[in-house]
Protein backbone atom coordinates (compact mmCIF):
# COMPACT_ATOMS: atom_id res chain seq x y z
CA MET A 1 45.39 -126.45 -31.98
CA PHE A 2 47.63 -124.84 -29.11
CA ASP A 3 46.55 -122.34 -26.32
CA ARG A 4 48.29 -119.15 -25.73
CA ASP A 5 50.77 -121.07 -23.77
CA GLY A 6 51.82 -123.33 -25.85
CA GLN A 7 49.89 -126.39 -24.67
CA GLN A 8 47.63 -128.47 -27.06
CA LYS A 9 44.48 -126.94 -26.80
CA ASN A 10 41.59 -129.25 -26.80
CA SER A 11 38.14 -128.67 -28.54
CA GLY A 12 35.01 -126.76 -26.42
CA LEU A 13 35.77 -124.39 -24.04
CA GLU A 14 38.21 -126.13 -21.50
CA GLY A 15 40.77 -125.18 -24.33
CA TYR A 16 40.59 -121.86 -22.76
CA LYS A 17 40.19 -121.83 -19.01
CA THR A 18 38.72 -118.29 -19.11
CA LEU A 19 36.28 -119.45 -21.13
CA ASP A 20 34.34 -120.36 -18.30
CA ILE A 21 32.57 -117.50 -17.84
CA PHE A 22 31.04 -117.50 -21.27
CA ALA A 23 29.97 -121.11 -20.91
CA ASP A 24 26.09 -120.32 -20.85
CA LEU A 25 26.28 -118.98 -24.35
CA GLN A 26 27.58 -121.94 -25.74
CA GLN A 27 24.15 -122.90 -27.36
CA VAL A 28 23.74 -119.43 -29.60
CA ILE A 29 27.48 -118.62 -29.99
CA ASP A 30 30.90 -120.65 -31.14
CA ILE A 31 32.59 -118.79 -28.26
CA ASN A 32 36.12 -120.40 -29.27
CA ASP A 33 35.55 -118.92 -32.67
CA GLY A 34 34.65 -115.46 -31.49
CA PHE A 35 37.05 -115.81 -28.65
CA GLU A 36 39.84 -116.33 -31.36
CA ARG A 37 38.68 -113.17 -33.61
CA LEU A 38 39.50 -111.06 -30.57
CA GLN A 39 43.22 -112.40 -30.25
CA ALA A 40 42.17 -114.40 -26.83
CA ASN A 41 41.01 -111.09 -25.22
CA GLU A 42 38.63 -111.89 -22.85
CA LYS A 43 37.76 -108.68 -21.68
CA ALA A 44 37.75 -107.34 -25.43
CA TYR A 45 35.62 -110.01 -25.81
CA GLN A 46 33.27 -109.44 -23.01
CA ASN A 47 32.90 -105.71 -24.34
CA VAL A 48 32.25 -106.96 -28.09
CA LEU A 49 29.17 -109.27 -26.74
CA LEU A 50 27.76 -106.19 -24.01
CA GLY A 51 28.09 -104.16 -26.96
CA PHE A 52 26.18 -105.79 -29.23
CA TYR A 53 23.22 -106.78 -26.64
CA HIS A 54 22.93 -102.51 -26.65
CA GLN A 55 22.60 -102.33 -29.65
CA HIS A 56 20.43 -105.05 -30.67
CA LYS A 57 18.14 -105.57 -28.20
CA THR A 58 15.54 -103.63 -29.97
CA THR A 59 16.20 -104.91 -33.42
CA ARG A 60 13.66 -107.22 -33.70
CA LEU A 61 11.27 -104.40 -33.22
CA THR A 62 13.09 -102.68 -35.84
CA MET A 63 12.83 -105.51 -38.63
CA MET A 64 9.04 -105.83 -37.82
CA GLU A 65 8.77 -102.11 -38.49
CA TYR A 66 10.55 -102.73 -41.79
CA VAL A 67 8.50 -105.58 -42.69
CA ARG A 68 5.25 -103.98 -41.86
CA THR A 69 6.22 -100.69 -43.95
CA GLN A 70 7.84 -102.97 -46.72
CA ASP A 71 11.11 -101.00 -46.67
CA TRP A 72 12.89 -103.99 -47.71
CA GLN A 73 16.33 -102.09 -48.55
CA ALA A 74 16.16 -101.02 -45.01
CA LEU A 75 15.60 -104.64 -43.92
CA ALA A 76 18.16 -106.09 -46.41
CA ARG A 77 20.91 -102.83 -44.60
CA LEU A 78 19.87 -104.48 -41.06
CA ALA A 79 20.11 -108.38 -42.43
CA HIS A 80 23.99 -106.68 -43.52
CA THR A 81 24.82 -105.59 -40.45
CA LEU A 82 23.73 -108.18 -38.60
CA LYS A 83 25.71 -110.57 -40.76
CA GLY A 84 28.96 -108.73 -39.93
CA SER A 85 27.90 -108.67 -35.92
CA GLY A 86 26.72 -112.18 -35.89
CA ALA A 87 30.52 -113.49 -37.28
CA ASN A 88 32.28 -111.03 -35.42
CA LEU A 89 30.67 -112.82 -32.27
CA GLY A 90 31.06 -116.16 -33.27
CA ALA A 91 27.12 -116.55 -33.62
CA LYS A 92 27.19 -118.61 -37.30
CA LYS A 93 23.41 -118.93 -37.56
CA LEU A 94 22.80 -115.38 -37.19
CA ALA A 95 25.89 -114.27 -39.55
CA SER A 96 23.83 -117.05 -41.78
CA CYS A 97 20.23 -116.46 -41.48
CA ALA A 98 21.22 -112.62 -41.99
CA ALA A 99 23.50 -113.43 -44.84
CA GLU A 100 20.42 -115.45 -46.69
CA LEU A 101 17.91 -112.94 -46.11
CA GLU A 102 19.87 -110.04 -47.12
CA TYR A 103 20.61 -112.29 -50.42
CA ARG A 104 17.37 -113.08 -51.04
CA ILE A 105 15.93 -109.56 -50.61
CA LYS A 106 18.63 -108.08 -53.16
CA ALA A 107 18.10 -111.20 -55.50
CA SER A 108 14.54 -110.10 -55.60
CA CYS A 109 14.99 -106.26 -56.09
CA LYS A 110 12.61 -105.59 -58.88
CA CYS A 111 9.50 -107.30 -56.44
CA MET A 112 7.36 -104.54 -54.65
CA ASP A 113 6.53 -107.06 -51.93
CA LEU A 114 8.33 -109.35 -50.51
CA SER A 115 6.36 -110.77 -47.84
CA TYR A 116 7.37 -114.25 -49.44
CA LEU A 117 10.39 -114.34 -47.43
CA GLN A 118 8.62 -115.25 -44.22
CA GLN A 119 10.40 -117.76 -43.40
CA GLU A 120 13.93 -116.25 -44.08
CA ILE A 121 12.61 -113.24 -42.20
CA LYS A 122 11.07 -115.50 -39.52
CA SER A 123 14.87 -117.39 -39.34
CA LEU A 124 16.83 -114.14 -38.74
CA ASP A 125 14.16 -113.13 -36.00
CA THR A 126 14.33 -116.35 -34.08
CA ALA A 127 18.25 -116.17 -34.28
CA VAL A 128 18.37 -112.73 -33.03
CA ASP A 129 15.63 -113.62 -30.33
CA ASP A 130 18.12 -116.39 -28.98
CA ILE A 131 21.10 -114.40 -28.68
CA ILE A 132 19.71 -111.34 -26.89
CA MET A 133 17.82 -113.38 -24.35
CA ALA A 134 20.81 -115.53 -23.61
CA LEU A 135 22.82 -112.26 -23.58
CA SER A 136 20.36 -110.77 -20.98
CA LEU A 137 20.90 -113.75 -18.79
CA TRP A 138 24.38 -113.49 -18.75
CA LYS A 139 25.18 -109.67 -19.04
CA GLU A 140 25.20 -109.13 -15.43
CA LYS A 141 27.89 -112.33 -14.55
CA VAL A 142 29.97 -110.53 -16.93
CA ALA A 143 29.66 -106.91 -15.51
CA LEU A 144 30.75 -108.07 -12.21
CA LYS A 145 33.80 -110.34 -13.71
CA SER A 146 36.52 -107.91 -14.46
CA GLY A 147 35.73 -104.13 -13.25
CA ARG A 148 32.93 -103.23 -15.71
CA LEU A 149 32.37 -99.40 -16.50
CA SER A 150 29.30 -100.02 -14.07
CA LYS A 151 31.29 -101.59 -11.41
CA GLU A 152 31.32 -98.96 -8.81
CA ILE A 153 34.79 -97.27 -7.76
CA SER A 154 36.54 -94.68 -6.34
CA THR A 155 37.80 -92.21 -9.18
CA LYS A 156 40.49 -89.57 -9.19
CA PRO A 157 39.65 -85.97 -9.51
CA LEU A 158 39.73 -84.87 -13.51
CA ASP A 159 43.63 -84.60 -14.70
CA GLN A 160 43.03 -82.90 -17.87
CA GLN A 161 46.71 -83.16 -18.67
CA ALA A 162 46.25 -87.03 -18.46
CA LEU A 163 42.89 -87.15 -20.47
CA ILE A 164 45.33 -85.52 -23.16
CA GLN A 165 48.07 -87.84 -23.11
CA GLY A 166 45.75 -90.81 -22.64
CA VAL A 167 43.58 -90.06 -25.84
CA THR A 168 46.52 -89.09 -27.87
CA GLN A 169 48.29 -92.68 -27.21
CA ILE A 170 44.90 -93.97 -28.21
CA LYS A 171 44.57 -91.85 -31.78
CA LYS A 172 48.48 -93.48 -31.97
CA ILE A 173 47.54 -96.93 -31.41
CA LEU A 174 43.69 -97.04 -33.14
CA TRP A 175 44.44 -98.43 -36.43
CA ILE A 176 47.45 -100.97 -35.02
CA ASP A 177 45.49 -102.55 -32.21
CA TYR A 178 42.09 -101.59 -31.67
CA VAL A 179 41.98 -103.98 -28.58
CA GLN A 180 44.29 -102.21 -26.59
CA ALA A 181 42.90 -99.14 -27.70
CA ILE A 182 39.60 -100.44 -26.10
CA ASN A 183 41.17 -101.31 -22.75
CA LEU A 184 42.95 -97.68 -22.62
CA ILE A 185 39.93 -95.70 -23.07
CA GLU A 186 38.40 -97.87 -20.10
CA GLU A 187 41.53 -96.90 -18.06
CA LEU A 188 40.84 -93.53 -18.65
CA LEU A 189 37.32 -93.68 -17.80
CA LEU A 190 38.30 -95.64 -14.31
CA ASN A 191 41.06 -93.48 -13.48
CA THR A 192 39.28 -90.27 -14.00
CA GLN A 193 36.11 -88.91 -13.62
CA ALA A 194 36.47 -87.59 -17.01
CA GLY A 195 34.50 -84.34 -16.31
CA ALA A 196 32.21 -83.15 -19.16
CA TYR A 197 34.32 -85.32 -21.45
CA LYS A 198 33.23 -88.51 -19.99
CA SER A 199 30.09 -89.37 -21.99
CA ARG A 200 32.06 -88.97 -25.28
CA LEU A 201 34.58 -90.93 -24.23
CA GLU A 202 31.69 -93.87 -23.18
CA THR A 203 30.24 -92.96 -27.24
CA CYS A 204 34.19 -93.51 -28.48
CA PHE A 205 34.11 -96.75 -26.06
CA ALA A 206 30.92 -98.24 -27.54
CA ILE A 207 31.57 -97.50 -31.18
CA LEU A 208 35.15 -99.48 -30.87
CA ASN A 209 32.97 -102.64 -29.71
CA GLN A 210 31.09 -102.71 -32.70
CA PHE A 211 34.59 -102.46 -34.34
CA ASP A 212 33.71 -99.01 -36.27
CA ILE A 213 37.33 -97.66 -36.17
CA GLU A 214 36.78 -94.75 -38.64
CA ALA A 215 34.18 -93.33 -36.31
CA ALA A 216 36.16 -93.76 -33.21
CA ALA A 217 38.84 -91.77 -34.79
CA GLU A 218 36.46 -89.06 -35.61
CA HIS A 219 34.97 -89.23 -32.29
CA LEU A 220 38.96 -88.63 -30.87
CA ASP A 221 39.66 -85.94 -32.93
CA ALA A 222 37.04 -84.16 -31.83
CA LEU A 223 37.38 -84.64 -28.56
CA MET A 224 41.06 -83.89 -28.65
CA LEU A 225 40.59 -80.52 -30.38
CA ASP A 226 37.72 -79.33 -27.38
CA LEU A 227 40.53 -80.93 -24.88
CA GLU A 228 43.48 -78.30 -26.49
CA SER A 229 41.00 -75.79 -26.92
CA SER A 230 40.13 -76.04 -22.93
CA ARG A 231 44.12 -76.21 -21.87
CA ALA A 232 44.92 -73.17 -24.26
CA ASN A 233 41.97 -70.94 -22.66
């Protein structure tokens, strides 16, 4: 296997020097696998990891509520989501546990009480907990690494025309290169105050970090309509 410079890449984090920042997560995530899924884009992988943390930091409570109320179909849907998210991260144990629970629930769909699946539920619960704890300890390091949205910066005044041009460019490349779309949204947020549109850009940013391109496209379409309407007035 070769790295981005054409040099032979060793197994493990030493193959990509930039992966050192992710080393603390090796115990729960196959960093090389997740990193390469994002085309070796460090910033995009950071965004995906942080997006997972913010979306799933209360997932264990949600799981337990589904078990308590015996809402097995909702639990199966949650397991399906975790299966996909885990695979995208490189969290193979999480993806495997989620796939197993989803399969067992669907295979037993005629049963009203699936509490006998305690082992599968416990395994998934543990896998989620391990990743959330690791990300919690690690996320501040990531946030300080390369100018995350939470970093204090000086911003330029709102430039509505720049926002329109930026959103137009993002819409053009959204279905072609969503990693670049994420970077462009971040640039818009860093370089303009965005005014009333800031929260909507941040929402789109978060949605893209979860690979929901269709939902992001809908948000961008609505945002563009509002921007053009505002300019017309």
